[in-house]
Amino acid sequence: MSLLPAADLAWLARLRFVTQRAQRGGTWGERRSVRRGQGLEFADYRDYSPGDDPRRVDWNLLARLDRPYVRLFEEEQDLSVTVLLDTSPSMAWGEGESARWPCAQRLALALAAIALLGGDPLRCVCLGGAPARVWGPYRGRGYLPALERWIATQQPTPGEPFGTALETFARQPFRPGLALLITDGYDPAGLEAGWRALAARGHETVLLHLLTPEELDPTLRGELELEDSETGLRRPLTLDQVTLRTYHRQREAWQAGLRALAARQRGRYVLLETAQPLRRMLLDQLRHAHVVK
């Protein structure tokens, strides 16, 4: 079964990523940046300086104001997009249609498709558990089938925590751009060091926090034994109304901490529930959060 039905490509092709600041470098592409350069669409004027191209002088303004100005144009540049997929063991949580891992695979492929269909260079990276696996960078819709096959072969595995792997990846000399982190956010050491390292390298970061309905509003009750999927540790627990109220307070504080971390690094945080259809995630939540338009 395909992770991304062909019918989804039509509406994904109309989406583009929203960036909050200019990105350095790159080749000419289909995306309008906020940099001023030699594109085709007029942006502004500035005073003429010796050495400027005489063809950019606005001679009509010179005649009216007796002062030379040059025309500035918006550059059309590509955007380097990196999809970072958490493959630590806790990503395998859940069952059925709301299971986290199949949702993460579909979301990663959909975000990658927006980049490839829009002509932007794309890199996909699986981090956490096993050593990092990197696909790309590639550009163009022709790479979508190969990417889908690659994502379909990835699975959550025991090993290195996601936050540690993220910090290691951030040190690699990859071109800065838009970094989309798909994760459940579970890491005893936290994500701050890795996220800070990404921002220091010039990446604009978006954390897409995938939680299942059971994590958002547990339905289990009674005497339970819980097992930590990351460490294997087990803990007996009585799940009653008092425990549930404590759980909800701690979960909300944890989400608030991730949101504050995003703000400190000039990034964005979006909570996504795995039971939601992919189309709603992209067209409602991510568009509302100004991740896509």
C-alpha atoms as a PDB file:
ATOM      1  CA  MET A   1       0.000   0.000   0.000  1.00  0.00           C
ATOM      2  CA  SER A   2       1.315   3.442  -0.953  1.00  0.00           C
ATOM      3  CA  LEU A   3       2.215   5.832   1.859  1.00  0.00           C
ATOM      4  CA  LEU A   4       1.036   8.732  -0.298  1.00  0.00           C
ATOM      5  CA  PRO A   5      -1.838   8.076  -2.734  1.00  0.00           C
ATOM      6  CA  ALA A   6      -1.519   9.717  -6.149  1.00  0.00           C
ATOM      7  CA  ALA A   7      -4.652  11.767  -5.448  1.00  0.00           C
ATOM      8  CA  ASP A   8      -2.772  13.625  -2.701  1.00  0.00           C
ATOM      9  CA  LEU A   9      -0.117  14.915  -5.097  1.00  0.00           C
ATOM     10  CA  ALA A  10      -2.519  17.388  -6.725  1.00  0.00           C
ATOM     11  CA  TRP A  11      -3.178  19.393  -3.544  1.00  0.00           C
ATOM     12  CA  LEU A  12       0.366  18.947  -2.218  1.00  0.00           C
ATOM     13  CA  ALA A  13       1.735  20.460  -5.443  1.00  0.00           C
ATOM     14  CA  ARG A  14      -0.117  23.700  -4.661  1.00  0.00           C
ATOM     15  CA  LEU A  15       1.557  24.136  -1.273  1.00  0.00           C
ATOM     16  CA  ARG A  16       4.806  25.948  -0.530  1.00  0.00           C
ATOM     17  CA  PHE A  17       6.782  26.324   2.692  1.00  0.00           C
ATOM     18  CA  VAL A  18       6.694  29.586   4.615  1.00  0.00           C
ATOM     19  CA  THR A  19      10.029  30.886   5.911  1.00  0.00           C
ATOM     20  CA  GLN A  20      10.401  33.643   8.470  1.00  0.00           C
ATOM     21  CA  ARG A  21      13.842  34.790   7.470  1.00  0.00           C
ATOM     22  CA  ALA A  22      16.078  34.761   4.412  1.00  0.00           C
ATOM     23  CA  GLN A  23      18.279  31.718   3.830  1.00  0.00           C
ATOM     24  CA  ARG A  24      21.825  31.980   2.554  1.00  0.00           C
ATOM     25  CA  GLY A  25      23.143  30.734  -0.740  1.00  0.00           C
ATOM     26  CA  GLY A  26      21.598  28.331  -3.189  1.00  0.00           C
ATOM     27  CA  THR A  27      20.839  28.274  -6.867  1.00  0.00           C
ATOM     28  CA  TRP A  28      18.071  30.012  -8.714  1.00  0.00           C
ATOM     29  CA  GLY A  29      14.727  28.365  -8.103  1.00  0.00           C
ATOM     30  CA  GLU A  30      10.994  28.935  -7.936  1.00  0.00           C
ATOM     31  CA  ARG A  31      10.820  30.525  -4.482  1.00  0.00           C
ATOM     32  CA  ARG A  32      10.777  34.258  -3.849  1.00  0.00           C
ATOM     33  CA  SER A  33      13.188  35.232  -1.095  1.00  0.00           C
ATOM     34  CA  VAL A  34      13.300  38.480   0.862  1.00  0.00           C
ATOM     35  CA  ARG A  35      16.775  39.199  -0.492  1.00  0.00           C
ATOM     36  CA  ARG A  36      17.251  41.963  -3.023  1.00  0.00           C
ATOM     37  CA  GLY A  37      18.984  40.942  -6.215  1.00  0.00           C
ATOM     38  CA  GLN A  38      18.597  40.633  -9.958  1.00  0.00           C
ATOM     39  CA  GLY A  39      15.296  38.784 -10.277  1.00  0.00           C
ATOM     40  CA  LEU A  40      12.398  39.785 -12.496  1.00  0.00           C
ATOM     41  CA  GLU A  41       9.963  41.454 -10.084  1.00  0.00           C
ATOM     42  CA  PHE A  42      10.537  45.046  -8.947  1.00  0.00           C
ATOM     43  CA  ALA A  43      11.045  45.447  -5.186  1.00  0.00           C
ATOM     44  CA  ASP A  44      12.493  48.877  -4.307  1.00  0.00           C
ATOM     45  CA  TYR A  45      14.904  51.712  -5.175  1.00  0.00           C
ATOM     46  CA  ARG A  46      18.209  52.735  -3.657  1.00  0.00           C
ATOM     47  CA  ASP A  47      20.735  55.492  -4.365  1.00  0.00           C
ATOM     48  CA  TYR A  48      23.114  54.888  -7.248  1.00  0.00           C
ATOM     49  CA  SER A  49      26.661  53.925  -6.209  1.00  0.00           C
ATOM     50  CA  PRO A  50      29.746  53.932  -8.448  1.00  0.00           C
ATOM     51  CA  GLY A  51      30.078  50.509 -10.047  1.00  0.00           C
ATOM     52  CA  ASP A  52      26.332  49.811 -10.263  1.00  0.00           C
ATOM     53  CA  ASP A  53      25.074  48.454 -13.570  1.00  0.00           C
ATOM     54  CA  PRO A  54      23.877  51.467 -15.640  1.00  0.00           C
ATOM     55  CA  ARG A  55      21.063  49.311 -17.041  1.00  0.00           C
ATOM     56  CA  ARG A  56      19.460  49.274 -13.569  1.00  0.00           C
ATOM     57  CA  VAL A  57      19.339  53.100 -13.340  1.00  0.00           C
ATOM     58  CA  ASP A  58      15.799  54.503 -13.511  1.00  0.00           C
ATOM     59  CA  TRP A  59      16.314  57.250 -16.083  1.00  0.00           C
ATOM     60  CA  ASN A  60      12.786  58.622 -15.619  1.00  0.00           C
ATOM     61  CA  LEU A  61      13.467  59.277 -11.948  1.00  0.00           C
ATOM     62  CA  LEU A  62      16.800  60.827 -12.829  1.00  0.00           C
ATOM     63  CA  ALA A  63      15.067  63.236 -15.200  1.00  0.00           C
ATOM     64  CA  ARG A  64      12.403  64.197 -12.633  1.00  0.00           C
ATOM     65  CA  LEU A  65      14.520  64.359  -9.490  1.00  0.00           C
ATOM     66  CA  ASP A  66      17.953  65.090 -10.930  1.00  0.00           C
ATOM     67  CA  ARG A  67      19.309  62.252  -8.778  1.00  0.00           C
ATOM     68  CA  PRO A  68      20.227  58.732  -9.906  1.00  0.00           C
ATOM     69  CA  TYR A  69      18.465  55.693  -8.398  1.00  0.00           C
ATOM     70  CA  VAL A  70      18.843  52.020  -9.260  1.00  0.00           C
ATOM     71  CA  ARG A  71      15.980  49.513  -9.318  1.00  0.00           C
ATOM     72  CA  LEU A  72      16.098  46.512  -6.966  1.00  0.00           C
ATOM     73  CA  PHE A  73      14.363  43.249  -7.749  1.00  0.00           C
ATOM     74  CA  GLU A  74      13.330  40.277  -5.647  1.00  0.00           C
ATOM     75  CA  GLU A  75      15.486  37.231  -6.165  1.00  0.00           C
ATOM     76  CA  GLU A  76      13.875  33.903  -6.950  1.00  0.00           C
ATOM     77  CA  GLN A  77      15.884  31.391  -4.920  1.00  0.00           C
ATOM     78  CA  ASP A  78      15.370  27.821  -3.897  1.00  0.00           C
ATOM     79  CA  LEU A  79      14.968  26.777  -0.281  1.00  0.00           C
ATOM     80  CA  SER A  80      17.020  23.962   1.186  1.00  0.00           C
ATOM     81  CA  VAL A  81      14.546  21.682   3.015  1.00  0.00           C
ATOM     82  CA  THR A  82      15.562  18.994   5.519  1.00  0.00           C
ATOM     83  CA  VAL A  83      13.007  16.584   6.968  1.00  0.00           C
ATOM     84  CA  LEU A  84      14.345  15.099  10.236  1.00  0.00           C
ATOM     85  CA  LEU A  85      12.440  11.975  11.273  1.00  0.00           C
ATOM     86  CA  ASP A  86      12.737  10.609  14.809  1.00  0.00           C
ATOM     87  CA  THR A  87      13.280   6.825  14.687  1.00  0.00           C
ATOM     88  CA  SER A  88      13.773   6.180  18.401  1.00  0.00           C
ATOM     89  CA  PRO A  89      11.718   3.281  19.886  1.00  0.00           C
ATOM     90  CA  SER A  90       8.921   5.427  21.348  1.00  0.00           C
ATOM     91  CA  MET A  91       7.905   6.420  17.817  1.00  0.00           C
ATOM     92  CA  ALA A  92       6.436   2.894  17.484  1.00  0.00           C
ATOM     93  CA  TRP A  93       3.756   3.654  20.101  1.00  0.00           C
ATOM     94  CA  GLY A  94       0.085   3.094  19.274  1.00  0.00           C
ATOM     95  CA  GLU A  95      -2.056   0.705  17.298  1.00  0.00           C
ATOM     96  CA  GLY A  96      -4.339   0.846  14.306  1.00  0.00           C
ATOM     97  CA  GLU A  97      -5.012   3.998  12.332  1.00  0.00           C
ATOM     98  CA  SER A  98      -3.725   6.296  15.076  1.00  0.00           C
ATOM     99  CA  ALA A  99      -0.359   4.530  15.510  1.00  0.00           C
ATOM    100  CA  ARG A 100       2.461   7.070  15.567  1.00  0.00           C
ATOM    101  CA  TRP A 101       4.987   5.542  13.180  1.00  0.00           C
ATOM    102  CA  PRO A 102       2.771   5.153  10.075  1.00  0.00           C
ATOM    103  CA  CYS A 103       1.544   8.711  10.672  1.00  0.00           C
ATOM    104  CA  ALA A 104       5.143   9.961  10.914  1.00  0.00           C
ATOM    105  CA  GLN A 105       6.053   8.200   7.657  1.00  0.00           C
ATOM    106  CA  ARG A 106       3.088   9.708   5.791  1.00  0.00           C
ATOM    107  CA  LEU A 107       3.776  13.174   7.199  1.00  0.00           C
ATOM    108  CA  ALA A 108       7.482  12.990   6.303  1.00  0.00           C
ATOM    109  CA  LEU A 109       6.665  11.928   2.755  1.00  0.00           C
ATOM    110  CA  ALA A 110       4.026  14.648   2.340  1.00  0.00           C
ATOM    111  CA  LEU A 111       6.415  17.375   3.519  1.00  0.00           C
ATOM    112  CA  ALA A 112       9.130  15.984   1.265  1.00  0.00           C
ATOM    113  CA  ALA A 113       6.697  15.990  -1.655  1.00  0.00           C
ATOM    114  CA  ILE A 114       5.984  19.706  -1.141  1.00  0.00           C
ATOM    115  CA  ALA A 115       9.713  20.407  -1.489  1.00  0.00           C
ATOM    116  CA  LEU A 116      10.265  18.127  -4.496  1.00  0.00           C
ATOM    117  CA  LEU A 117       7.118  19.272  -6.323  1.00  0.00           C
ATOM    118  CA  GLY A 118       8.125  22.898  -5.679  1.00  0.00           C
ATOM    119  CA  GLY A 119      11.624  22.468  -7.095  1.00  0.00           C
ATOM    120  CA  ASP A 120      13.452  22.846  -3.772  1.00  0.00           C
ATOM    121  CA  PRO A 121      16.440  20.641  -2.859  1.00  0.00           C
ATOM    122  CA  LEU A 122      15.422  18.062  -0.268  1.00  0.00           C
ATOM    123  CA  ARG A 123      17.290  15.981   2.280  1.00  0.00           C
ATOM    124  CA  CYS A 124      15.556  13.400   4.511  1.00  0.00           C
ATOM    125  CA  VAL A 125      17.325  12.169   7.632  1.00  0.00           C
ATOM    126  CA  CYS A 126      16.329   9.420  10.081  1.00  0.00           C
ATOM    127  CA  LEU A 127      17.770  10.115  13.533  1.00  0.00           C
ATOM    128  CA  GLY A 128      17.680   8.225  16.811  1.00  0.00           C
ATOM    129  CA  GLY A 129      18.027   4.522  17.423  1.00  0.00           C
ATOM    130  CA  ALA A 130      20.338   3.217  14.715  1.00  0.00           C
ATOM    131  CA  PRO A 131      23.041   5.441  13.161  1.00  0.00           C
ATOM    132  CA  ALA A 132      21.713   8.356  11.103  1.00  0.00           C
ATOM    133  CA  ARG A 133      20.434   7.490   7.629  1.00  0.00           C
ATOM    134  CA  VAL A 134      20.474  10.263   5.016  1.00  0.00           C
ATOM    135  CA  TRP A 135      18.605  10.447   1.704  1.00  0.00           C
ATOM    136  CA  GLY A 136      19.542  13.226  -0.700  1.00  0.00           C
ATOM    137  CA  PRO A 137      19.836  16.035  -1.353  1.00  0.00           C
ATOM    138  CA  TYR A 138      17.759  15.619  -4.497  1.00  0.00           C
ATOM    139  CA  ARG A 139      15.534  17.963  -6.458  1.00  0.00           C
ATOM    140  CA  GLY A 140      12.479  17.306  -8.631  1.00  0.00           C
ATOM    141  CA  ARG A 141       9.263  15.266  -8.548  1.00  0.00           C
ATOM    142  CA  GLY A 142      10.951  12.359 -10.307  1.00  0.00           C
ATOM    143  CA  TYR A 143      12.596  11.387  -7.014  1.00  0.00           C
ATOM    144  CA  LEU A 144       9.302  10.871  -5.160  1.00  0.00           C
ATOM    145  CA  PRO A 145       8.951   7.108  -5.870  1.00  0.00           C
ATOM    146  CA  ALA A 146      12.511   6.432  -4.678  1.00  0.00           C
ATOM    147  CA  LEU A 147      11.940   8.518  -1.555  1.00  0.00           C
ATOM    148  CA  GLU A 148       8.693   6.684  -0.762  1.00  0.00           C
ATOM    149  CA  ARG A 149      10.482   3.341  -1.029  1.00  0.00           C
ATOM    150  CA  TRP A 150      13.265   4.622   1.238  1.00  0.00           C
ATOM    151  CA  ILE A 151      10.894   5.935   3.923  1.00  0.00           C
ATOM    152  CA  ALA A 152       8.875   2.700   3.809  1.00  0.00           C
ATOM    153  CA  THR A 153      11.989   0.703   4.778  1.00  0.00           C
ATOM    154  CA  GLN A 154      12.739   2.811   7.884  1.00  0.00           C
ATOM    155  CA  GLN A 155      11.634   1.598  11.323  1.00  0.00           C
ATOM    156  CA  PRO A 156      12.070   2.781  14.934  1.00  0.00           C
ATOM    157  CA  THR A 157      15.046   1.020  16.511  1.00  0.00           C
ATOM    158  CA  PRO A 158      16.814   1.011  19.909  1.00  0.00           C
ATOM    159  CA  GLY A 159      19.995   3.001  20.267  1.00  0.00           C
ATOM    160  CA  GLU A 160      20.971   6.650  20.353  1.00  0.00           C
ATOM    161  CA  PRO A 161      18.379   9.153  21.716  1.00  0.00           C
ATOM    162  CA  PHE A 162      16.865  11.519  19.176  1.00  0.00           C
ATOM    163  CA  GLY A 163      18.192  14.654  20.879  1.00  0.00           C
ATOM    164  CA  THR A 164      21.771  13.359  20.885  1.00  0.00           C
ATOM    165  CA  ALA A 165      21.522  12.321  17.233  1.00  0.00           C
ATOM    166  CA  LEU A 166      20.065  15.725  16.381  1.00  0.00           C
ATOM    167  CA  GLU A 167      23.017  17.513  17.979  1.00  0.00           C
ATOM    168  CA  THR A 168      25.460  15.318  16.024  1.00  0.00           C
ATOM    169  CA  PHE A 169      23.631  15.967  12.755  1.00  0.00           C
ATOM    170  CA  ALA A 170      23.610  19.735  13.353  1.00  0.00           C
ATOM    171  CA  ARG A 171      27.421  19.764  13.268  1.00  0.00           C
ATOM    172  CA  GLN A 172      27.474  18.449   9.695  1.00  0.00           C
ATOM    173  CA  PRO A 173      28.383  20.999   6.996  1.00  0.00           C
ATOM    174  CA  PHE A 174      24.993  20.930   5.284  1.00  0.00           C
ATOM    175  CA  ARG A 175      23.570  24.054   3.701  1.00  0.00           C
ATOM    176  CA  PRO A 176      21.281  25.935   6.143  1.00  0.00           C
ATOM    177  CA  GLY A 177      17.601  26.045   5.331  1.00  0.00           C
ATOM    178  CA  LEU A 178      14.264  24.921   6.702  1.00  0.00           C
ATOM    179  CA  ALA A 179      14.578  22.000   9.147  1.00  0.00           C
ATOM    180  CA  LEU A 180      11.326  20.128   9.903  1.00  0.00           C
ATOM    181  CA  LEU A 181      11.570  17.870  12.970  1.00  0.00           C
ATOM    182  CA  ILE A 182       8.993  15.062  13.199  1.00  0.00           C
ATOM    183  CA  THR A 183       9.149  13.611  16.701  1.00  0.00           C
ATOM    184  CA  ASP A 184       7.172  12.551  19.764  1.00  0.00           C
ATOM    185  CA  GLY A 185       9.503  14.701  21.862  1.00  0.00           C
ATOM    186  CA  TYR A 186      10.411  11.886  24.279  1.00  0.00           C
ATOM    187  CA  ASP A 187      14.047  12.144  25.300  1.00  0.00           C
ATOM    188  CA  PRO A 188      15.272  12.035  28.932  1.00  0.00           C
ATOM    189  CA  ALA A 189      18.118  14.419  28.056  1.00  0.00           C
ATOM    190  CA  GLY A 190      15.793  16.778  26.190  1.00  0.00           C
ATOM    191  CA  LEU A 191      16.003  18.327  22.731  1.00  0.00           C
ATOM    192  CA  GLU A 192      17.480  21.711  23.650  1.00  0.00           C
ATOM    193  CA  ALA A 193      21.139  20.979  22.825  1.00  0.00           C
ATOM    194  CA  GLY A 194      20.296  19.585  19.398  1.00  0.00           C
ATOM    195  CA  TRP A 195      17.782  22.297  18.595  1.00  0.00           C
ATOM    196  CA  ARG A 196      20.194  25.016  19.697  1.00  0.00           C
ATOM    197  CA  ALA A 197      22.928  23.507  17.509  1.00  0.00           C
ATOM    198  CA  LEU A 198      20.610  23.505  14.487  1.00  0.00           C
ATOM    199  CA  ALA A 199      19.711  27.156  15.018  1.00  0.00           C
ATOM    200  CA  ALA A 200      23.376  28.086  15.478  1.00  0.00           C
ATOM    201  CA  ARG A 201      24.113  26.580  12.050  1.00  0.00           C
ATOM    202  CA  GLY A 202      21.526  28.916  10.522  1.00  0.00           C
ATOM    203  CA  HIS A 203      18.633  26.461  10.141  1.00  0.00           C
ATOM    204  CA  GLU A 204      15.078  27.704  10.585  1.00  0.00           C
ATOM    205  CA  THR A 205      13.439  25.024  12.735  1.00  0.00           C
ATOM    206  CA  VAL A 206       9.899  23.684  13.026  1.00  0.00           C
ATOM    207  CA  LEU A 207       9.065  20.970  15.587  1.00  0.00           C
ATOM    208  CA  LEU A 208       6.077  18.835  14.566  1.00  0.00           C
ATOM    209  CA  HIS A 209       5.049  17.130  17.803  1.00  0.00           C
ATOM    210  CA  LEU A 210       3.198  13.863  17.098  1.00  0.00           C
ATOM    211  CA  LEU A 211       1.068  12.549  19.950  1.00  0.00           C
ATOM    212  CA  THR A 212      -1.555   9.797  19.854  1.00  0.00           C
ATOM    213  CA  PRO A 213      -5.112  10.212  21.174  1.00  0.00           C
ATOM    214  CA  GLU A 214      -4.261   7.911  24.101  1.00  0.00           C
ATOM    215  CA  GLU A 215      -1.352  10.177  25.082  1.00  0.00           C
ATOM    216  CA  LEU A 216      -3.517  13.281  24.884  1.00  0.00           C
ATOM    217  CA  ASP A 217      -6.446  11.756  26.786  1.00  0.00           C
ATOM    218  CA  PRO A 218      -5.709   8.298  28.286  1.00  0.00           C
ATOM    219  CA  THR A 219      -8.625   5.871  28.466  1.00  0.00           C
ATOM    220  CA  LEU A 220      -6.865   3.152  30.501  1.00  0.00           C
ATOM    221  CA  ARG A 221      -7.893   2.793  34.142  1.00  0.00           C
ATOM    222  CA  GLY A 222      -7.011   0.665  37.139  1.00  0.00           C
ATOM    223  CA  GLU A 223      -3.890  -1.179  38.248  1.00  0.00           C
ATOM    224  CA  LEU A 224      -1.292  -1.154  35.440  1.00  0.00           C
ATOM    225  CA  GLU A 225       2.345  -1.852  34.805  1.00  0.00           C
ATOM    226  CA  LEU A 226       3.879   0.634  32.369  1.00  0.00           C
ATOM    227  CA  GLU A 227       7.025  -0.024  30.366  1.00  0.00           C
ATOM    228  CA  ASP A 228       9.297   2.767  29.099  1.00  0.00           C
ATOM    229  CA  SER A 229       9.722   2.062  25.386  1.00  0.00           C
ATOM    230  CA  GLU A 230      13.061   3.885  25.338  1.00  0.00           C
ATOM    231  CA  THR A 231      14.721   2.217  28.366  1.00  0.00           C
ATOM    232  CA  GLY A 232      12.634  -0.905  29.005  1.00  0.00           C
ATOM    233  CA  LEU A 233      12.109   0.051  32.662  1.00  0.00           C
ATOM    234  CA  ARG A 234       8.788  -1.029  34.177  1.00  0.00           C
ATOM    235  CA  ARG A 235       6.727   0.770  36.788  1.00  0.00           C
ATOM    236  CA  PRO A 236       3.465  -0.206  38.542  1.00  0.00           C
ATOM    237  CA  LEU A 237       0.816   2.508  38.478  1.00  0.00           C
ATOM    238  CA  THR A 238      -2.727   3.028  39.692  1.00  0.00           C
ATOM    239  CA  LEU A 239      -4.463   5.081  37.019  1.00  0.00           C
ATOM    240  CA  ASP A 240      -7.315   6.922  38.735  1.00  0.00           C
ATOM    241  CA  GLN A 241      -8.719  10.445  38.515  1.00  0.00           C
ATOM    242  CA  VAL A 242      -6.027  11.924  40.763  1.00  0.00           C
ATOM    243  CA  THR A 243      -3.244  10.350  38.711  1.00  0.00           C
ATOM    244  CA  LEU A 244      -4.876  11.466  35.461  1.00  0.00           C
ATOM    245  CA  ARG A 245      -5.101  15.089  36.633  1.00  0.00           C
ATOM    246  CA  THR A 246      -1.401  14.982  37.514  1.00  0.00           C
ATOM    247  CA  TYR A 247      -0.628  13.430  34.133  1.00  0.00           C
ATOM    248  CA  HIS A 248      -2.490  16.137  32.223  1.00  0.00           C
ATOM    249  CA  ARG A 249      -0.748  18.908  34.176  1.00  0.00           C
ATOM    250  CA  GLN A 250       2.670  17.402  33.477  1.00  0.00           C
ATOM    251  CA  ARG A 251       1.881  16.794  29.804  1.00  0.00           C
ATOM    252  CA  GLU A 252       0.730  20.376  29.314  1.00  0.00           C
ATOM    253  CA  ALA A 253       3.840  21.676  31.104  1.00  0.00           C
ATOM    254  CA  TRP A 254       6.020  19.473  28.885  1.00  0.00           C
ATOM    255  CA  GLN A 255       4.357  20.817  25.725  1.00  0.00           C
ATOM    256  CA  ALA A 256       4.704  24.375  27.023  1.00  0.00           C
ATOM    257  CA  GLY A 257       8.410  23.724  27.587  1.00  0.00           C
ATOM    258  CA  LEU A 258       8.859  22.560  23.988  1.00  0.00           C
ATOM    259  CA  ARG A 259       6.935  25.578  22.732  1.00  0.00           C
ATOM    260  CA  ALA A 260       9.141  27.904  24.809  1.00  0.00           C
ATOM    261  CA  LEU A 261      12.250  26.140  23.523  1.00  0.00           C
ATOM    262  CA  ALA A 262      11.084  26.774  19.974  1.00  0.00           C
ATOM    263  CA  ALA A 263      10.554  30.450  20.721  1.00  0.00           C
ATOM    264  CA  ARG A 264      14.034  30.796  22.227  1.00  0.00           C
ATOM    265  CA  GLN A 265      15.584  29.392  19.051  1.00  0.00           C
ATOM    266  CA  ARG A 266      13.343  31.508  16.789  1.00  0.00           C
ATOM    267  CA  GLY A 267      11.621  28.343  15.661  1.00  0.00           C
ATOM    268  CA  ARG A 268       8.047  27.077  15.627  1.00  0.00           C
ATOM    269  CA  TYR A 269       6.155  24.354  17.488  1.00  0.00           C
ATOM    270  CA  VAL A 270       3.042  22.576  16.184  1.00  0.00           C
ATOM    271  CA  LEU A 271       1.157  19.834  18.062  1.00  0.00           C
ATOM    272  CA  LEU A 272      -0.330  17.197  15.738  1.00  0.00           C
ATOM    273  CA  GLU A 273      -2.635  14.345  16.749  1.00  0.00           C
ATOM    274  CA  THR A 274      -1.882  11.113  14.904  1.00  0.00           C
ATOM    275  CA  ALA A 275      -5.566  10.236  14.417  1.00  0.00           C
ATOM    276  CA  GLN A 276      -6.135  13.296  12.216  1.00  0.00           C
ATOM    277  CA  PRO A 277      -6.212  12.854   8.430  1.00  0.00           C
ATOM    278  CA  LEU A 278      -3.071  13.989   6.624  1.00  0.00           C
ATOM    279  CA  ARG A 279      -5.005  16.555   4.604  1.00  0.00           C
ATOM    280  CA  ARG A 280      -6.266  18.227   7.782  1.00  0.00           C
ATOM    281  CA  MET A 281      -2.760  18.314   9.266  1.00  0.00           C
ATOM    282  CA  LEU A 282      -1.365  20.084   6.215  1.00  0.00           C
ATOM    283  CA  LEU A 283      -4.220  22.289   5.040  1.00  0.00           C
ATOM    284  CA  ASP A 284      -5.585  23.256   8.452  1.00  0.00           C
ATOM    285  CA  GLN A 285      -2.991  23.015  11.192  1.00  0.00           C
ATOM    286  CA  LEU A 286       0.279  23.584   9.334  1.00  0.00           C
ATOM    287  CA  ARG A 287      -1.231  26.311   7.188  1.00  0.00           C
ATOM    288  CA  HIS A 288      -2.707  27.979  10.287  1.00  0.00           C
ATOM    289  CA  ALA A 289       0.752  27.800  11.914  1.00  0.00           C
ATOM    290  CA  HIS A 290       2.278  29.417   8.784  1.00  0.00           C
ATOM    291  CA  VAL A 291       4.470  26.410   8.043  1.00  0.00           C
ATOM    292  CA  VAL A 292       2.894  26.031   4.574  1.00  0.00           C
ATOM    293  CA  LYS A 293       0.737  28.246   2.416  1.00  0.00           C
END
